[in-house]
N, C-alpha and C. Protein backbone atom coordinates (compact mmCIF):
# COMPACT_ATOMS: atom_id res chain seq x y z
N MET A 1 136.52 132.56 127.98
CA MET A 1 136.83 132.81 126.59
C MET A 1 135.54 132.74 125.78
N THR A 2 135.31 133.69 124.88
CA THR A 2 134.09 133.71 124.09
C THR A 2 134.31 132.99 122.77
N GLU A 3 133.22 132.43 122.27
CA GLU A 3 133.27 131.75 120.97
C GLU A 3 133.37 132.81 119.87
N PRO A 4 134.12 132.56 118.80
CA PRO A 4 134.17 133.51 117.69
C PRO A 4 132.81 133.62 117.02
N ASP A 5 132.50 134.79 116.54
CA ASP A 5 131.24 135.02 115.83
C ASP A 5 131.29 134.29 114.50
N PRO A 6 130.35 133.35 114.23
CA PRO A 6 130.40 132.60 112.98
C PRO A 6 130.24 133.49 111.76
N ALA A 7 129.66 134.67 111.93
CA ALA A 7 129.48 135.58 110.81
C ALA A 7 130.80 136.19 110.36
N ASN A 8 131.86 136.04 111.15
CA ASN A 8 133.13 136.65 110.82
C ASN A 8 134.19 135.64 110.38
N ARG A 9 133.80 134.45 109.98
CA ARG A 9 134.76 133.42 109.61
C ARG A 9 135.13 133.41 108.14
N ARG A 10 134.49 134.21 107.32
CA ARG A 10 134.78 134.18 105.89
C ARG A 10 136.20 134.64 105.63
N GLU A 11 136.91 133.93 104.76
CA GLU A 11 138.32 134.21 104.54
C GLU A 11 138.57 135.36 103.57
N HIS A 12 137.59 135.74 102.76
CA HIS A 12 137.77 136.81 101.78
C HIS A 12 137.02 138.08 102.22
N GLU A 13 137.49 139.21 101.73
CA GLU A 13 136.89 140.49 102.08
C GLU A 13 135.42 140.53 101.66
N ARG A 14 134.59 141.10 102.51
CA ARG A 14 133.16 141.20 102.24
C ARG A 14 132.80 142.57 101.70
N THR A 15 131.77 142.58 100.86
CA THR A 15 131.22 143.82 100.34
C THR A 15 129.78 143.89 100.78
N PRO A 16 129.37 144.98 101.45
CA PRO A 16 127.94 145.09 101.78
C PRO A 16 127.14 145.04 100.48
N GLN A 17 126.13 144.21 100.44
CA GLN A 17 125.36 144.02 99.21
C GLN A 17 123.93 143.71 99.60
N LYS A 18 123.05 144.71 99.49
CA LYS A 18 121.65 144.47 99.77
C LYS A 18 120.92 144.34 98.45
N GLY A 19 120.23 143.24 98.28
CA GLY A 19 119.49 143.01 97.06
C GLY A 19 118.64 141.77 97.20
N TYR A 20 117.84 141.49 96.19
CA TYR A 20 116.96 140.33 96.22
C TYR A 20 117.58 139.21 95.39
N ILE A 21 117.46 137.98 95.89
CA ILE A 21 117.95 136.83 95.16
C ILE A 21 116.91 135.71 95.23
N ALA A 22 117.02 134.77 94.31
CA ALA A 22 116.18 133.58 94.34
C ALA A 22 117.04 132.43 94.85
N VAL A 23 116.51 131.67 95.80
CA VAL A 23 117.24 130.56 96.41
C VAL A 23 116.41 129.29 96.27
N THR A 24 116.98 128.24 95.70
CA THR A 24 116.33 126.93 95.62
C THR A 24 117.03 126.00 96.60
N VAL A 25 116.27 125.33 97.44
CA VAL A 25 116.84 124.38 98.39
C VAL A 25 117.01 123.05 97.65
N ILE A 26 118.25 122.63 97.45
CA ILE A 26 118.54 121.40 96.72
C ILE A 26 118.42 120.20 97.65
N GLU A 27 119.06 120.29 98.81
CA GLU A 27 118.94 119.21 99.79
C GLU A 27 119.04 119.81 101.19
N ALA A 28 118.23 119.29 102.08
CA ALA A 28 118.21 119.73 103.48
C ALA A 28 117.86 118.51 104.33
N PRO A 29 118.84 117.67 104.64
CA PRO A 29 118.56 116.44 105.39
C PRO A 29 117.85 116.68 106.72
N GLU A 30 118.13 117.82 107.35
CA GLU A 30 117.49 118.12 108.64
C GLU A 30 116.10 118.73 108.46
N ALA A 31 115.75 119.15 107.24
CA ALA A 31 114.43 119.75 106.98
C ALA A 31 113.99 119.37 105.57
N PRO A 32 113.65 118.10 105.32
CA PRO A 32 113.34 117.64 103.97
C PRO A 32 112.15 118.34 103.33
N LEU A 33 111.26 118.93 104.11
CA LEU A 33 110.12 119.64 103.53
C LEU A 33 110.55 120.90 102.79
N LEU A 34 111.76 121.39 103.05
CA LEU A 34 112.27 122.56 102.34
C LEU A 34 112.81 122.22 100.96
N GLU A 35 113.14 120.94 100.73
CA GLU A 35 113.77 120.55 99.47
C GLU A 35 112.87 120.85 98.27
N GLY A 36 113.46 121.49 97.27
CA GLY A 36 112.73 121.84 96.06
C GLY A 36 112.03 123.19 96.13
N LEU A 37 111.93 123.79 97.30
CA LEU A 37 111.26 125.08 97.42
C LEU A 37 112.16 126.21 96.93
N VAL A 38 111.53 127.25 96.38
CA VAL A 38 112.25 128.43 95.91
C VAL A 38 111.81 129.61 96.77
N PHE A 39 112.77 130.33 97.30
CA PHE A 39 112.50 131.49 98.15
C PHE A 39 113.09 132.73 97.52
N ARG A 40 112.42 133.87 97.72
CA ARG A 40 113.01 135.17 97.40
C ARG A 40 113.57 135.71 98.70
N CYS A 41 114.81 136.10 98.72
CA CYS A 41 115.49 136.54 99.94
C CYS A 41 116.20 137.86 99.69
N THR A 42 116.72 138.42 100.77
CA THR A 42 117.55 139.61 100.63
C THR A 42 118.96 139.28 101.10
N THR A 43 119.93 139.84 100.40
CA THR A 43 121.33 139.64 100.77
C THR A 43 121.76 140.74 101.73
N ARG A 44 122.81 140.47 102.49
CA ARG A 44 123.39 141.46 103.41
C ARG A 44 124.83 141.78 103.05
N ASP A 45 125.61 140.74 102.76
CA ASP A 45 126.98 140.97 102.30
C ASP A 45 127.42 139.79 101.45
N LEU A 46 128.48 140.03 100.71
CA LEU A 46 128.93 139.07 99.70
C LEU A 46 130.45 139.09 99.66
N SER A 47 131.06 137.94 99.48
CA SER A 47 132.50 137.85 99.21
C SER A 47 132.70 136.81 98.13
N SER A 48 133.94 136.59 97.73
CA SER A 48 134.17 135.59 96.69
C SER A 48 133.98 134.17 97.20
N SER A 49 133.88 133.99 98.52
CA SER A 49 133.72 132.64 99.07
C SER A 49 132.37 132.39 99.73
N GLY A 50 131.54 133.43 99.88
CA GLY A 50 130.28 133.20 100.56
C GLY A 50 129.35 134.38 100.54
N LEU A 51 128.21 134.20 101.22
CA LEU A 51 127.12 135.17 101.18
C LEU A 51 126.36 135.10 102.49
N LYS A 52 125.89 136.26 102.95
CA LYS A 52 124.98 136.31 104.10
C LYS A 52 123.65 136.81 103.58
N MET A 53 122.57 136.10 103.92
CA MET A 53 121.24 136.51 103.47
C MET A 53 120.27 136.43 104.64
N VAL A 54 119.09 137.03 104.44
CA VAL A 54 118.03 137.00 105.44
C VAL A 54 116.82 136.34 104.81
N VAL A 55 116.26 135.34 105.54
CA VAL A 55 115.09 134.60 105.06
C VAL A 55 114.07 134.50 106.20
N HIS A 56 112.86 134.05 105.88
CA HIS A 56 111.81 133.92 106.88
C HIS A 56 111.56 132.48 107.31
N SER A 57 112.45 131.58 106.93
CA SER A 57 112.37 130.18 107.34
C SER A 57 113.73 129.74 107.85
N HIS A 58 113.74 128.89 108.86
CA HIS A 58 115.00 128.34 109.37
C HIS A 58 115.57 127.39 108.32
N VAL A 59 116.83 127.56 108.00
CA VAL A 59 117.51 126.68 107.05
C VAL A 59 118.65 126.02 107.84
N PRO A 60 118.57 124.71 108.08
CA PRO A 60 119.56 124.04 108.92
C PRO A 60 120.97 124.10 108.33
N PRO A 61 121.98 124.23 109.22
CA PRO A 61 123.36 124.16 108.74
C PRO A 61 123.61 122.87 107.97
N ASP A 62 124.47 122.95 106.99
CA ASP A 62 124.87 121.88 106.09
C ASP A 62 123.86 121.63 104.97
N SER A 63 122.75 122.41 104.92
CA SER A 63 121.83 122.30 103.79
C SER A 63 122.53 122.78 102.53
N LYS A 64 122.23 122.16 101.39
CA LYS A 64 122.81 122.57 100.12
C LYS A 64 121.78 123.41 99.37
N LEU A 65 122.19 124.58 98.91
CA LEU A 65 121.29 125.51 98.23
C LEU A 65 121.83 125.85 96.85
N ARG A 66 120.93 126.24 95.96
CA ARG A 66 121.32 126.82 94.68
C ARG A 66 120.82 128.26 94.70
N LEU A 67 121.70 129.19 94.45
CA LEU A 67 121.37 130.61 94.49
C LEU A 67 121.47 131.21 93.11
N ARG A 68 120.53 132.07 92.77
CA ARG A 68 120.63 132.88 91.56
C ARG A 68 120.73 134.32 92.02
N VAL A 69 121.87 134.93 91.76
CA VAL A 69 122.12 136.30 92.22
C VAL A 69 122.18 137.20 90.99
N GLU A 70 121.35 138.24 91.00
CA GLU A 70 121.30 139.19 89.88
C GLU A 70 121.72 140.56 90.37
N PHE A 71 122.75 141.11 89.74
CA PHE A 71 123.23 142.44 90.07
C PHE A 71 122.73 143.43 89.03
N VAL A 72 122.42 144.64 89.50
CA VAL A 72 121.94 145.69 88.61
C VAL A 72 123.08 146.60 88.16
N ASP A 73 124.00 146.92 89.08
CA ASP A 73 125.08 147.84 88.76
C ASP A 73 126.38 147.36 89.39
N PRO A 74 127.30 146.78 88.66
CA PRO A 74 127.21 146.45 87.24
C PRO A 74 126.31 145.24 87.03
N VAL A 75 125.76 145.15 85.84
CA VAL A 75 124.85 144.06 85.51
C VAL A 75 125.61 142.74 85.49
N GLY A 76 125.02 141.74 86.14
CA GLY A 76 125.62 140.41 86.16
C GLY A 76 124.68 139.42 86.81
N VAL A 77 124.67 138.20 86.30
CA VAL A 77 123.85 137.12 86.87
C VAL A 77 124.77 135.94 87.16
N PHE A 78 124.69 135.43 88.38
CA PHE A 78 125.52 134.31 88.80
C PHE A 78 124.65 133.24 89.42
N GLU A 79 125.03 131.99 89.22
CA GLU A 79 124.42 130.88 89.94
C GLU A 79 125.49 130.27 90.83
N HIS A 80 125.12 130.03 92.08
CA HIS A 80 126.04 129.45 93.05
C HIS A 80 125.40 128.21 93.66
N ASP A 81 126.17 127.17 93.83
CA ASP A 81 125.78 126.09 94.74
C ASP A 81 126.50 126.42 96.03
N ALA A 82 125.78 126.33 97.14
CA ALA A 82 126.36 126.73 98.42
C ALA A 82 125.91 125.80 99.53
N ARG A 83 126.66 125.77 100.60
CA ARG A 83 126.35 124.99 101.79
C ARG A 83 126.12 125.97 102.94
N VAL A 84 125.06 125.77 103.71
CA VAL A 84 124.76 126.63 104.85
C VAL A 84 125.78 126.36 105.95
N ALA A 85 126.47 127.41 106.39
CA ALA A 85 127.46 127.30 107.46
C ALA A 85 126.80 127.53 108.82
N TRP A 86 125.85 128.46 108.88
CA TRP A 86 125.17 128.78 110.14
C TRP A 86 123.83 129.47 109.83
N CYS A 87 122.94 129.43 110.81
CA CYS A 87 121.62 130.07 110.69
C CYS A 87 121.24 130.53 112.09
N ARG A 88 120.85 131.81 112.22
CA ARG A 88 120.44 132.30 113.54
C ARG A 88 119.28 133.27 113.43
N VAL A 89 118.48 133.32 114.48
CA VAL A 89 117.30 134.19 114.53
C VAL A 89 117.74 135.65 114.57
N GLN A 90 117.04 136.48 113.80
CA GLN A 90 117.24 137.93 113.84
C GLN A 90 116.33 138.46 114.94
N ASP A 91 116.88 138.95 116.01
CA ASP A 91 116.08 139.42 117.14
C ASP A 91 115.45 140.79 116.93
N HIS A 92 115.99 141.58 116.03
CA HIS A 92 115.54 142.95 115.89
C HIS A 92 114.41 143.15 114.88
N ASP A 93 114.02 142.12 114.15
CA ASP A 93 112.95 142.25 113.17
C ASP A 93 111.59 142.04 113.81
N VAL A 94 110.57 142.74 113.30
CA VAL A 94 109.20 142.57 113.79
C VAL A 94 108.67 141.20 113.38
N VAL A 95 108.88 140.84 112.12
CA VAL A 95 108.50 139.52 111.62
C VAL A 95 109.72 138.62 111.81
N GLN A 96 109.52 137.41 112.33
CA GLN A 96 110.67 136.54 112.59
C GLN A 96 111.41 136.23 111.30
N SER A 97 112.71 136.42 111.36
CA SER A 97 113.55 136.12 110.21
C SER A 97 114.86 135.52 110.72
N TYR A 98 115.63 135.00 109.78
CA TYR A 98 116.88 134.32 110.10
C TYR A 98 117.99 134.86 109.22
N ALA A 99 119.14 135.09 109.82
CA ALA A 99 120.35 135.40 109.06
C ALA A 99 121.01 134.06 108.76
N VAL A 100 121.42 133.87 107.50
CA VAL A 100 122.01 132.60 107.07
C VAL A 100 123.34 132.89 106.39
N GLY A 101 124.39 132.22 106.85
CA GLY A 101 125.70 132.34 106.23
C GLY A 101 125.99 131.12 105.38
N MET A 102 126.48 131.35 104.17
CA MET A 102 126.74 130.25 103.24
C MET A 102 128.14 130.30 102.68
N ARG A 103 128.68 129.12 102.39
CA ARG A 103 129.96 128.98 101.69
C ARG A 103 129.66 128.51 100.27
N PHE A 104 130.23 129.20 99.29
CA PHE A 104 130.05 128.78 97.90
C PHE A 104 130.82 127.50 97.63
N ILE A 105 130.17 126.58 96.91
CA ILE A 105 130.80 125.33 96.48
C ILE A 105 131.20 125.45 95.01
N ARG A 106 130.30 126.07 94.23
CA ARG A 106 130.51 126.21 92.78
C ARG A 106 129.83 127.50 92.35
N THR A 107 130.48 128.22 91.42
CA THR A 107 129.91 129.47 90.89
C THR A 107 129.95 129.42 89.38
N LYS A 108 128.85 129.88 88.77
CA LYS A 108 128.78 129.92 87.31
C LYS A 108 128.15 131.23 86.90
N ARG A 109 128.82 131.97 86.03
CA ARG A 109 128.26 133.22 85.50
C ARG A 109 127.32 132.89 84.36
N LYS A 110 126.16 133.48 84.36
CA LYS A 110 125.15 133.24 83.32
C LYS A 110 125.30 134.23 82.20
């Protein structure tokens, strides 16, 4: 029996969404040197309960992040507090990167 793909556990419908976001690491008990850092990342898909993004640093599961997501069409800015559900290496990229799945804890429209 195979393990379910963690990328497919989100309970709400996903929308492909490629764009740039700013991510602040609020707490990362497994990687405290990441705390307080701000990264620019790219999104892959979005739902009302979570987000998949690609970053160039490993972000341990259960890390708490603050995300600022800016949409161009339609225009909208949202801040999310999220918890990392999983993180895995992207094998197909030339530069090492990680796909990160997050669950939203709190969302606020700016």
